[in-house]
Amino acid sequence: GYSGDDLKDLNQLSRLLVAIPAMLMPPPQQPVPNPLSQEISKFKEQGNVAFKNGQWSLAVGFYTRSAEYGYSRPIIESSLYARDELAIALCNRSAAYGHMGEWINALCDADVVIELKKNWPKGYFRRGRALIALSRLNEARESFLLGLQYDPNSAVRVFSTSVFISRTDRPELIAGFNASSS
């Protein structure tokens, strides 16, 4: 335990603070916009505009720039920001690669997304779509099921089920998928 001498200074400080109730405290620090986050967001948004306009190659370029800025974060900054920003940029880039028919690139990005954010169903969905396009149906099914474990009520469930069923003619996989995802 602590003796009275050990806590003497702390008790004295406490009494002083209580005795001065009107003591002015500085306001809490206001968050300052991080220039690096602004650049990452700018390129991501430009990629989103290109994606919506069907300019897949241009979208890939913007998402790549966004990811590059994310990778350049100083090590002293919170890794949470880097993980989220990178996961979003790479997930979006995976979708753009998919629209271009570059399924290996889409799969690689989806795998990195899953490593960065294991509990985000969207990464598993992107991976599943790429695997379907590569005719790796068993792996696609597993990817969709893993994603659904993290959020069984997400929109990913609807998309993954419809995409999987529409892309396979193997009834045993469809039946197994429907039974597992309900």
N, C-alpha and C. Protein backbone atom coordinates (compact mmCIF):
# COMPACT_ATOMS: atom_id res chain seq x y z
N GLY A 1 0.79 -1.17 0.00
CA GLY A 1 0.00 0.00 0.00
C GLY A 1 0.84 1.25 0.00
N TYR A 2 0.13 2.36 0.01
CA TYR A 2 0.77 3.67 0.03
C TYR A 2 0.68 4.24 1.42
N SER A 3 1.72 4.96 1.81
CA SER A 3 1.70 5.64 3.11
C SER A 3 1.22 7.08 2.88
N GLY A 4 0.94 7.76 3.98
CA GLY A 4 0.50 9.15 3.89
C GLY A 4 1.55 10.03 3.24
N ASP A 5 2.82 9.73 3.46
CA ASP A 5 3.89 10.52 2.86
C ASP A 5 3.94 10.33 1.34
N ASP A 6 3.60 9.13 0.89
CA ASP A 6 3.63 8.85 -0.55
C ASP A 6 2.61 9.71 -1.29
N LEU A 7 1.49 9.96 -0.69
CA LEU A 7 0.40 10.67 -1.36
C LEU A 7 0.27 12.12 -0.91
N LYS A 8 1.22 12.61 -0.10
CA LYS A 8 1.15 13.96 0.46
C LYS A 8 1.03 15.02 -0.63
N ASP A 9 1.89 14.96 -1.65
CA ASP A 9 1.86 15.98 -2.70
C ASP A 9 0.57 15.90 -3.53
N LEU A 10 0.11 14.71 -3.80
CA LEU A 10 -1.12 14.54 -4.56
C LEU A 10 -2.33 15.06 -3.79
N ASN A 11 -2.37 14.79 -2.48
CA ASN A 11 -3.47 15.30 -1.65
C ASN A 11 -3.44 16.82 -1.56
N GLN A 12 -2.26 17.40 -1.47
CA GLN A 12 -2.15 18.85 -1.40
C GLN A 12 -2.65 19.47 -2.71
N LEU A 13 -2.28 18.91 -3.84
CA LEU A 13 -2.74 19.40 -5.13
C LEU A 13 -4.26 19.29 -5.23
N SER A 14 -4.81 18.19 -4.78
CA SER A 14 -6.25 17.98 -4.81
C SER A 14 -6.98 19.05 -3.98
N ARG A 15 -6.47 19.34 -2.78
CA ARG A 15 -7.10 20.36 -1.94
C ARG A 15 -7.04 21.73 -2.60
N LEU A 16 -5.93 22.04 -3.27
CA LEU A 16 -5.81 23.33 -3.95
C LEU A 16 -6.82 23.45 -5.09
N LEU A 17 -6.97 22.39 -5.86
CA LEU A 17 -7.91 22.43 -6.98
C LEU A 17 -9.35 22.56 -6.52
N VAL A 18 -9.69 21.89 -5.44
CA VAL A 18 -11.05 21.98 -4.90
C VAL A 18 -11.31 23.37 -4.32
N ALA A 19 -10.30 24.00 -3.74
CA ALA A 19 -10.45 25.31 -3.11
C ALA A 19 -10.60 26.43 -4.14
N ILE A 20 -10.25 26.18 -5.37
CA ILE A 20 -10.33 27.22 -6.39
C ILE A 20 -11.31 26.76 -7.49
N PRO A 21 -12.61 26.77 -7.20
CA PRO A 21 -13.58 26.26 -8.18
C PRO A 21 -13.69 27.13 -9.43
N ALA A 22 -13.37 28.40 -9.32
CA ALA A 22 -13.50 29.29 -10.46
C ALA A 22 -12.23 29.33 -11.31
N MET A 23 -11.29 28.45 -11.01
CA MET A 23 -10.03 28.45 -11.75
C MET A 23 -10.31 28.19 -13.23
N LEU A 24 -9.75 29.02 -14.05
CA LEU A 24 -9.96 28.89 -15.49
C LEU A 24 -9.14 27.74 -16.05
N MET A 25 -9.83 26.93 -16.78
CA MET A 25 -9.16 25.81 -17.43
C MET A 25 -9.09 26.13 -18.92
N PRO A 26 -8.01 25.77 -19.55
CA PRO A 26 -7.96 26.02 -21.00
C PRO A 26 -8.98 25.14 -21.72
N PRO A 27 -9.47 25.62 -22.85
CA PRO A 27 -10.45 24.80 -23.60
C PRO A 27 -9.78 23.54 -24.14
N PRO A 28 -10.57 22.54 -24.40
CA PRO A 28 -9.97 21.32 -24.96
C PRO A 28 -9.36 21.61 -26.33
N GLN A 29 -8.36 20.85 -26.66
CA GLN A 29 -7.69 21.03 -27.94
C GLN A 29 -8.63 20.71 -29.09
N GLN A 30 -8.61 21.54 -30.10
CA GLN A 30 -9.43 21.32 -31.28
C GLN A 30 -8.62 20.49 -32.28
N PRO A 31 -9.26 19.49 -32.88
CA PRO A 31 -8.52 18.70 -33.86
C PRO A 31 -8.12 19.55 -35.05
N VAL A 32 -6.91 19.34 -35.49
CA VAL A 32 -6.39 20.07 -36.63
C VAL A 32 -6.46 19.15 -37.84
N PRO A 33 -7.02 19.62 -38.94
CA PRO A 33 -7.08 18.76 -40.12
C PRO A 33 -5.67 18.32 -40.53
N ASN A 34 -5.53 17.04 -40.74
CA ASN A 34 -4.25 16.48 -41.12
C ASN A 34 -4.09 16.61 -42.64
N PRO A 35 -3.06 17.33 -43.09
CA PRO A 35 -2.88 17.53 -44.53
C PRO A 35 -2.75 16.21 -45.30
N LEU A 36 -2.11 15.22 -44.70
CA LEU A 36 -1.95 13.94 -45.37
C LEU A 36 -3.31 13.25 -45.54
N SER A 37 -4.14 13.30 -44.51
CA SER A 37 -5.48 12.71 -44.63
C SER A 37 -6.30 13.43 -45.68
N GLN A 38 -6.12 14.73 -45.79
CA GLN A 38 -6.85 15.50 -46.80
C GLN A 38 -6.43 15.08 -48.21
N GLU A 39 -5.14 14.84 -48.41
CA GLU A 39 -4.66 14.39 -49.72
C GLU A 39 -5.19 13.00 -50.04
N ILE A 40 -5.15 12.12 -49.06
CA ILE A 40 -5.64 10.76 -49.25
C ILE A 40 -7.12 10.80 -49.63
N SER A 41 -7.87 11.59 -48.91
CA SER A 41 -9.31 11.72 -49.17
C SER A 41 -9.57 12.34 -50.54
N LYS A 42 -8.78 13.32 -50.91
CA LYS A 42 -8.95 13.99 -52.21
C LYS A 42 -8.79 12.98 -53.35
N PHE A 43 -7.73 12.17 -53.30
CA PHE A 43 -7.51 11.20 -54.37
C PHE A 43 -8.57 10.10 -54.35
N LYS A 44 -9.00 9.71 -53.16
CA LYS A 44 -10.06 8.70 -53.07
C LYS A 44 -11.34 9.23 -53.71
N GLU A 45 -11.69 10.47 -53.41
CA GLU A 45 -12.91 11.07 -53.98
C GLU A 45 -12.80 11.22 -55.49
N GLN A 46 -11.63 11.59 -55.98
CA GLN A 46 -11.44 11.68 -57.43
C GLN A 46 -11.59 10.29 -58.07
N GLY A 47 -11.08 9.28 -57.37
CA GLY A 47 -11.25 7.91 -57.85
C GLY A 47 -12.72 7.52 -57.87
N ASN A 48 -13.46 7.93 -56.85
CA ASN A 48 -14.89 7.61 -56.80
C ASN A 48 -15.64 8.25 -57.97
N VAL A 49 -15.29 9.49 -58.31
CA VAL A 49 -15.94 10.17 -59.43
C VAL A 49 -15.62 9.43 -60.73
N ALA A 50 -14.35 9.09 -60.92
CA ALA A 50 -13.96 8.36 -62.14
C ALA A 50 -14.67 7.00 -62.19
N PHE A 51 -14.77 6.33 -61.05
CA PHE A 51 -15.44 5.03 -60.99
C PHE A 51 -16.90 5.16 -61.41
N LYS A 52 -17.58 6.15 -60.85
CA LYS A 52 -19.00 6.35 -61.17
C LYS A 52 -19.21 6.69 -62.65
N ASN A 53 -18.18 7.28 -63.27
CA ASN A 53 -18.26 7.62 -64.69
C ASN A 53 -17.77 6.49 -65.58
N GLY A 54 -17.45 5.34 -64.99
CA GLY A 54 -17.00 4.20 -65.79
C GLY A 54 -15.58 4.32 -66.31
N GLN A 55 -14.82 5.24 -65.73
CA GLN A 55 -13.42 5.42 -66.14
C GLN A 55 -12.53 4.60 -65.21
N TRP A 56 -12.55 3.29 -65.43
CA TRP A 56 -11.93 2.36 -64.49
C TRP A 56 -10.43 2.60 -64.35
N SER A 57 -9.74 2.79 -65.47
CA SER A 57 -8.29 2.97 -65.42
C SER A 57 -7.92 4.24 -64.66
N LEU A 58 -8.67 5.30 -64.90
CA LEU A 58 -8.44 6.55 -64.19
C LEU A 58 -8.71 6.37 -62.69
N ALA A 59 -9.78 5.64 -62.37
CA ALA A 59 -10.10 5.36 -60.96
C ALA A 59 -8.98 4.59 -60.29
N VAL A 60 -8.44 3.58 -60.99
CA VAL A 60 -7.32 2.81 -60.43
C VAL A 60 -6.16 3.75 -60.11
N GLY A 61 -5.87 4.67 -61.01
CA GLY A 61 -4.78 5.62 -60.79
C GLY A 61 -5.00 6.47 -59.55
N PHE A 62 -6.21 6.98 -59.39
CA PHE A 62 -6.50 7.82 -58.21
C PHE A 62 -6.45 6.99 -56.92
N TYR A 63 -7.01 5.79 -56.96
CA TYR A 63 -6.97 4.94 -55.77
C TYR A 63 -5.53 4.54 -55.43
N THR A 64 -4.72 4.36 -56.45
CA THR A 64 -3.31 4.04 -56.21
C THR A 64 -2.61 5.21 -55.53
N ARG A 65 -2.88 6.42 -56.00
CA ARG A 65 -2.28 7.61 -55.37
C ARG A 65 -2.73 7.73 -53.91
N SER A 66 -4.01 7.49 -53.69
CA SER A 66 -4.55 7.53 -52.32
C SER A 66 -3.81 6.52 -51.44
N ALA A 67 -3.63 5.31 -51.95
CA ALA A 67 -2.93 4.27 -51.19
C ALA A 67 -1.47 4.64 -50.96
N GLU A 68 -0.83 5.21 -51.96
CA GLU A 68 0.58 5.62 -51.81
C GLU A 68 0.73 6.65 -50.70
N TYR A 69 -0.18 7.62 -50.66
CA TYR A 69 -0.15 8.61 -49.59
C TYR A 69 -0.39 7.93 -48.24
N GLY A 70 -1.29 6.98 -48.21
CA GLY A 70 -1.55 6.25 -46.97
C GLY A 70 -0.32 5.49 -46.49
N TYR A 71 0.40 4.89 -47.42
CA TYR A 71 1.62 4.16 -47.05
C TYR A 71 2.72 5.09 -46.56
N SER A 72 2.64 6.36 -46.95
CA SER A 72 3.71 7.29 -46.60
C SER A 72 3.53 7.92 -45.22
N ARG A 73 2.52 7.51 -44.49
CA ARG A 73 2.30 8.07 -43.15
C ARG A 73 3.52 7.83 -42.27
N PRO A 74 3.91 8.84 -41.50
CA PRO A 74 5.01 8.63 -40.55
C PRO A 74 4.65 7.55 -39.53
N ILE A 75 5.62 6.83 -39.09
CA ILE A 75 5.38 5.71 -38.18
C ILE A 75 4.82 6.18 -36.84
N ILE A 76 5.04 7.45 -36.49
CA ILE A 76 4.55 7.94 -35.20
C ILE A 76 3.06 8.23 -35.21
N GLU A 77 2.45 8.30 -36.41
CA GLU A 77 1.01 8.53 -36.48
C GLU A 77 0.26 7.24 -36.19
N SER A 78 -0.96 7.39 -35.81
CA SER A 78 -1.79 6.25 -35.46
C SER A 78 -1.93 5.30 -36.64
N SER A 79 -1.68 4.03 -36.39
CA SER A 79 -1.81 3.04 -37.46
C SER A 79 -3.28 2.82 -37.82
N LEU A 80 -4.19 3.21 -36.93
CA LEU A 80 -5.61 3.07 -37.22
C LEU A 80 -6.00 3.87 -38.46
N TYR A 81 -5.50 5.12 -38.55
CA TYR A 81 -5.78 5.94 -39.72
C TYR A 81 -5.25 5.26 -40.98
N ALA A 82 -4.01 4.83 -40.91
CA ALA A 82 -3.38 4.23 -42.08
C ALA A 82 -4.13 2.98 -42.52
N ARG A 83 -4.50 2.13 -41.58
CA ARG A 83 -5.22 0.90 -41.93
C ARG A 83 -6.55 1.21 -42.60
N ASP A 84 -7.32 2.11 -42.03
CA ASP A 84 -8.62 2.45 -42.59
C ASP A 84 -8.50 3.08 -43.97
N GLU A 85 -7.60 4.05 -44.09
CA GLU A 85 -7.44 4.74 -45.36
C GLU A 85 -6.94 3.79 -46.45
N LEU A 86 -5.97 2.95 -46.10
CA LEU A 86 -5.45 1.99 -47.07
C LEU A 86 -6.51 0.97 -47.45
N ALA A 87 -7.24 0.47 -46.47
CA ALA A 87 -8.25 -0.54 -46.75
C ALA A 87 -9.31 0.00 -47.71
N ILE A 88 -9.74 1.23 -47.49
CA ILE A 88 -10.76 1.81 -48.36
C ILE A 88 -10.22 2.03 -49.77
N ALA A 89 -9.01 2.59 -49.86
CA ALA A 89 -8.43 2.84 -51.19
C ALA A 89 -8.23 1.53 -51.96
N LEU A 90 -7.71 0.52 -51.29
CA LEU A 90 -7.44 -0.75 -51.97
C LEU A 90 -8.72 -1.52 -52.28
N CYS A 91 -9.71 -1.39 -51.42
CA CYS A 91 -11.00 -2.04 -51.68
C CYS A 91 -11.65 -1.42 -52.93
N ASN A 92 -11.60 -0.11 -53.01
CA ASN A 92 -12.15 0.58 -54.18
C ASN A 92 -11.36 0.24 -55.43
N ARG A 93 -10.03 0.16 -55.28
CA ARG A 93 -9.20 -0.18 -56.43
C ARG A 93 -9.49 -1.61 -56.90
N SER A 94 -9.74 -2.50 -55.95
CA SER A 94 -10.10 -3.87 -56.30
C SER A 94 -11.36 -3.89 -57.15
N ALA A 95 -12.34 -3.09 -56.78
CA ALA A 95 -13.59 -3.02 -57.56
C ALA A 95 -13.31 -2.48 -58.97
N ALA A 96 -12.47 -1.47 -59.07
CA ALA A 96 -12.14 -0.90 -60.39
C ALA A 96 -11.40 -1.93 -61.24
N TYR A 97 -10.45 -2.64 -60.63
CA TYR A 97 -9.75 -3.70 -61.37
C TYR A 97 -10.75 -4.74 -61.86
N GLY A 98 -11.72 -5.07 -61.03
CA GLY A 98 -12.73 -6.04 -61.44
C GLY A 98 -13.49 -5.58 -62.66
N HIS A 99 -13.85 -4.31 -62.70
CA HIS A 99 -14.58 -3.79 -63.86
C HIS A 99 -13.70 -3.80 -65.12
N MET A 100 -12.39 -3.76 -64.92
CA MET A 100 -11.47 -3.81 -66.05
C MET A 100 -11.18 -5.25 -66.47
N GLY A 101 -11.65 -6.21 -65.68
CA GLY A 101 -11.37 -7.61 -65.97
C GLY A 101 -10.01 -8.07 -65.49
N GLU A 102 -9.35 -7.26 -64.68
CA GLU A 102 -8.04 -7.61 -64.13
C GLU A 102 -8.23 -8.28 -62.77
N TRP A 103 -8.67 -9.52 -62.83
CA TRP A 103 -9.11 -10.22 -61.63
C TRP A 103 -7.98 -10.61 -60.69
N ILE A 104 -6.79 -10.84 -61.21
CA ILE A 104 -5.65 -11.15 -60.33
C ILE A 104 -5.32 -9.92 -59.48
N ASN A 105 -5.28 -8.74 -60.12
CA ASN A 105 -5.03 -7.50 -59.37
C ASN A 105 -6.15 -7.26 -58.36
N ALA A 106 -7.38 -7.50 -58.77
CA ALA A 106 -8.53 -7.32 -57.87
C ALA A 106 -8.40 -8.25 -56.66
N LEU A 107 -7.99 -9.48 -56.91
CA LEU A 107 -7.82 -10.45 -55.83
C LEU A 107 -6.69 -10.04 -54.89
N CYS A 108 -5.58 -9.59 -55.46
CA CYS A 108 -4.44 -9.16 -54.62
C CYS A 108 -4.84 -8.01 -53.69
N ASP A 109 -5.54 -7.02 -54.25
CA ASP A 109 -5.98 -5.89 -53.43
C ASP A 109 -6.96 -6.35 -52.36
N ALA A 110 -7.88 -7.23 -52.72
CA ALA A 110 -8.86 -7.73 -51.74
C ALA A 110 -8.17 -8.47 -50.61
N ASP A 111 -7.14 -9.25 -50.94
CA ASP A 111 -6.40 -9.97 -49.90
C ASP A 111 -5.72 -9.00 -48.93
N VAL A 112 -5.17 -7.92 -49.45
CA VAL A 112 -4.53 -6.92 -48.58
C VAL A 112 -5.59 -6.23 -47.72
N VAL A 113 -6.74 -5.94 -48.30
CA VAL A 113 -7.83 -5.31 -47.54
C VAL A 113 -8.19 -6.21 -46.36
N ILE A 114 -8.30 -7.50 -46.59
CA ILE A 114 -8.65 -8.43 -45.52
C ILE A 114 -7.58 -8.45 -44.44
N GLU A 115 -6.32 -8.36 -44.84
CA GLU A 115 -5.24 -8.31 -43.85
C GLU A 115 -5.31 -7.03 -43.02
N LEU A 116 -5.67 -5.93 -43.66
CA LEU A 116 -5.74 -4.65 -42.96
C LEU A 116 -6.95 -4.55 -42.04
N LYS A 117 -8.10 -5.06 -42.50
CA LYS A 117 -9.35 -4.96 -41.73
C LYS A 117 -10.07 -6.29 -41.79
N LYS A 118 -9.65 -7.20 -40.94
CA LYS A 118 -10.19 -8.56 -40.96
C LYS A 118 -11.69 -8.62 -40.73
N ASN A 119 -12.24 -7.68 -40.01
CA ASN A 119 -13.67 -7.75 -39.67
C ASN A 119 -14.55 -6.91 -40.58
N TRP A 120 -14.05 -6.54 -41.75
CA TRP A 120 -14.81 -5.73 -42.70
C TRP A 120 -15.32 -6.63 -43.82
N PRO A 121 -16.62 -6.87 -43.91
CA PRO A 121 -17.16 -7.80 -44.90
C PRO A 121 -16.86 -7.43 -46.35
N LYS A 122 -16.69 -6.15 -46.62
CA LYS A 122 -16.49 -5.71 -47.99
C LYS A 122 -15.24 -6.32 -48.62
N GLY A 123 -14.19 -6.49 -47.83
CA GLY A 123 -12.97 -7.10 -48.34
C GLY A 123 -13.21 -8.54 -48.79
N TYR A 124 -14.00 -9.27 -48.02
CA TYR A 124 -14.33 -10.65 -48.36
C TYR A 124 -15.20 -10.71 -49.61
N PHE A 125 -16.10 -9.75 -49.75
CA PHE A 125 -16.95 -9.69 -50.93
C PHE A 125 -16.10 -9.44 -52.18
N ARG A 126 -15.17 -8.48 -52.10
CA ARG A 126 -14.30 -8.19 -53.24
C ARG A 126 -13.48 -9.44 -53.60
N ARG A 127 -13.00 -10.11 -52.59
CA ARG A 127 -12.22 -11.32 -52.81
C ARG A 127 -13.08 -12.40 -53.47
N GLY A 128 -14.29 -12.57 -52.97
CA GLY A 128 -15.20 -13.56 -53.54
C GLY A 128 -15.53 -13.29 -55.00
N ARG A 129 -15.77 -12.04 -55.32
CA ARG A 129 -16.06 -11.69 -56.72
C ARG A 129 -14.89 -12.02 -57.62
N ALA A 130 -13.69 -11.70 -57.18
CA ALA A 130 -12.51 -12.00 -57.99
C ALA A 130 -12.34 -13.51 -58.15
N LEU A 131 -12.56 -14.23 -57.10
CA LEU A 131 -12.42 -15.70 -57.16
C LEU A 131 -13.46 -16.32 -58.09
N ILE A 132 -14.68 -15.80 -58.09
CA ILE A 132 -15.70 -16.30 -59.02
C ILE A 132 -15.22 -16.08 -60.45
N ALA A 133 -14.72 -14.89 -60.74
CA ALA A 133 -14.26 -14.58 -62.10
C ALA A 133 -13.10 -15.48 -62.51
N LEU A 134 -12.33 -15.94 -61.53
CA LEU A 134 -11.20 -16.83 -61.80
C LEU A 134 -11.61 -18.30 -61.74
N SER A 135 -12.91 -18.54 -61.64
CA SER A 135 -13.49 -19.91 -61.60
C SER A 135 -13.01 -20.71 -60.39
N ARG A 136 -12.75 -20.03 -59.30
CA ARG A 136 -12.35 -20.69 -58.06
C ARG A 136 -13.54 -20.62 -57.10
N LEU A 137 -14.58 -21.38 -57.44
CA LEU A 137 -15.87 -21.25 -56.78
C LEU A 137 -15.86 -21.67 -55.31
N ASN A 138 -15.17 -22.73 -54.98
CA ASN A 138 -15.12 -23.15 -53.57
C ASN A 138 -14.49 -22.07 -52.70
N GLU A 139 -13.39 -21.47 -53.19
CA GLU A 139 -12.74 -20.41 -52.43
C GLU A 139 -13.63 -19.17 -52.34
N ALA A 140 -14.35 -18.89 -53.43
CA ALA A 140 -15.27 -17.74 -53.43
C ALA A 140 -16.34 -17.94 -52.37
N ARG A 141 -16.89 -19.12 -52.33
CA ARG A 141 -17.91 -19.44 -51.34
C ARG A 141 -17.38 -19.23 -49.92
N GLU A 142 -16.19 -19.73 -49.67
CA GLU A 142 -15.58 -19.57 -48.34
C GLU A 142 -15.35 -18.10 -48.00
N SER A 143 -14.92 -17.33 -48.99
CA SER A 143 -14.69 -15.91 -48.75
C SER A 143 -15.99 -15.20 -48.39
N PHE A 144 -17.06 -15.48 -49.14
CA PHE A 144 -18.35 -14.88 -48.82
C PHE A 144 -18.81 -15.28 -47.42
N LEU A 145 -18.66 -16.55 -47.09
CA LEU A 145 -19.10 -17.03 -45.77
C LEU A 145 -18.29 -16.38 -44.65
N LEU A 146 -17.00 -16.20 -44.86
CA LEU A 146 -16.18 -15.53 -43.84
C LEU A 146 -16.65 -14.09 -43.63
N GLY A 147 -16.92 -13.40 -44.72
CA GLY A 147 -17.40 -12.03 -44.62
C GLY A 147 -18.73 -11.94 -43.89
N LEU A 148 -19.59 -12.90 -44.14
CA LEU A 148 -20.90 -12.90 -43.50
C LEU A 148 -20.81 -13.18 -42.01
N GLN A 149 -19.75 -13.83 -41.57
CA GLN A 149 -19.58 -14.06 -40.13
C GLN A 149 -19.42 -12.74 -39.39
N TYR A 150 -18.81 -11.76 -40.04
CA TYR A 150 -18.58 -10.48 -39.38
C TYR A 150 -19.81 -9.59 -39.38
N ASP A 151 -20.66 -9.73 -40.36
CA ASP A 151 -21.88 -8.92 -40.41
C ASP A 151 -22.93 -9.64 -41.23
N PRO A 152 -23.67 -10.56 -40.61
CA PRO A 152 -24.63 -11.37 -41.35
C PRO A 152 -25.79 -10.58 -41.93
N ASN A 153 -26.02 -9.37 -41.45
CA ASN A 153 -27.15 -8.57 -41.94
C ASN A 153 -26.73 -7.52 -42.95
N SER A 154 -25.46 -7.53 -43.35
CA SER A 154 -24.98 -6.48 -44.23
C SER A 154 -25.49 -6.66 -45.65
N ALA A 155 -25.36 -5.59 -46.41
CA ALA A 155 -25.72 -5.64 -47.83
C ALA A 155 -24.83 -6.64 -48.57
N VAL A 156 -23.65 -6.90 -48.00
CA VAL A 156 -22.74 -7.86 -48.63
C VAL A 156 -23.42 -9.22 -48.75
N ARG A 157 -24.26 -9.55 -47.79
CA ARG A 157 -24.95 -10.85 -47.84
C ARG A 157 -25.82 -10.95 -49.09
N VAL A 158 -26.59 -9.91 -49.35
CA VAL A 158 -27.48 -9.92 -50.51
C VAL A 158 -26.65 -10.00 -51.79
N PHE A 159 -25.62 -9.15 -51.87
CA PHE A 159 -24.79 -9.13 -53.07
C PHE A 159 -24.07 -10.45 -53.26
N SER A 160 -23.45 -10.94 -52.20
CA SER A 160 -22.65 -12.16 -52.35
C SER A 160 -23.51 -13.34 -52.74
N THR A 161 -24.68 -13.45 -52.15
CA THR A 161 -25.57 -14.55 -52.50
C THR A 161 -25.99 -14.45 -53.96
N SER A 162 -26.43 -13.28 -54.40
CA SER A 162 -26.90 -13.15 -55.78
C SER A 162 -25.76 -13.32 -56.78
N VAL A 163 -24.60 -12.74 -56.47
CA VAL A 163 -23.46 -12.88 -57.38
C VAL A 163 -23.04 -14.33 -57.46
N PHE A 164 -22.94 -14.99 -56.33
CA PHE A 164 -22.49 -16.38 -56.31
C PHE A 164 -23.46 -17.27 -57.08
N ILE A 165 -24.74 -17.11 -56.82
CA ILE A 165 -25.74 -17.96 -57.48
C ILE A 165 -25.78 -17.67 -58.99
N SER A 166 -25.64 -16.43 -59.37
CA SER A 166 -25.72 -16.10 -60.79
C SER A 166 -24.48 -16.56 -61.56
N ARG A 167 -23.37 -16.81 -60.87
CA ARG A 167 -22.13 -17.15 -61.56
C ARG A 167 -21.78 -18.63 -61.53
N THR A 168 -22.58 -19.44 -60.88
CA THR A 168 -22.22 -20.85 -60.80
C THR A 168 -23.38 -21.72 -61.28
N ASP A 169 -23.02 -22.82 -61.89
CA ASP A 169 -24.03 -23.78 -62.32
C ASP A 169 -23.86 -25.09 -61.54
N ARG A 170 -23.23 -24.99 -60.38
CA ARG A 170 -23.01 -26.17 -59.55
C ARG A 170 -24.00 -26.16 -58.40
N PRO A 171 -25.07 -26.92 -58.51
CA PRO A 171 -26.15 -26.90 -57.50
C PRO A 171 -25.66 -27.22 -56.09
N GLU A 172 -24.65 -28.08 -55.97
CA GLU A 172 -24.20 -28.45 -54.63
C GLU A 172 -23.57 -27.25 -53.91
N LEU A 173 -22.93 -26.37 -54.66
CA LEU A 173 -22.35 -25.17 -54.04
C LEU A 173 -23.44 -24.17 -53.68
N ILE A 174 -24.41 -24.01 -54.57
CA ILE A 174 -25.49 -23.07 -54.31
C ILE A 174 -26.29 -23.52 -53.09
N ALA A 175 -26.62 -24.80 -53.04
CA ALA A 175 -27.41 -25.30 -51.91
C ALA A 175 -26.62 -25.13 -50.61
N GLY A 176 -25.35 -25.44 -50.65
CA GLY A 176 -24.52 -25.29 -49.46
C GLY A 176 -24.39 -23.85 -49.03
N PHE A 177 -24.29 -22.98 -50.02
CA PHE A 177 -24.15 -21.55 -49.72
C PHE A 177 -25.42 -21.00 -49.09
N ASN A 178 -26.57 -21.33 -49.66
CA ASN A 178 -27.84 -20.85 -49.11
C ASN A 178 -28.06 -21.38 -47.70
N ALA A 179 -27.72 -22.62 -47.44
CA ALA A 179 -27.91 -23.21 -46.12
C ALA A 179 -26.97 -22.54 -45.11
N SER A 180 -25.74 -22.26 -45.54
CA SER A 180 -24.76 -21.70 -44.62
C SER A 180 -25.00 -20.24 -44.33
N SER A 181 -25.61 -19.52 -45.27
CA SER A 181 -25.73 -18.07 -45.10
C SER A 181 -27.07 -17.66 -44.52
N SER A 182 -27.92 -18.60 -44.17
CA SER A 182 -29.23 -18.18 -43.63
C SER A 182 -29.19 -18.05 -42.14
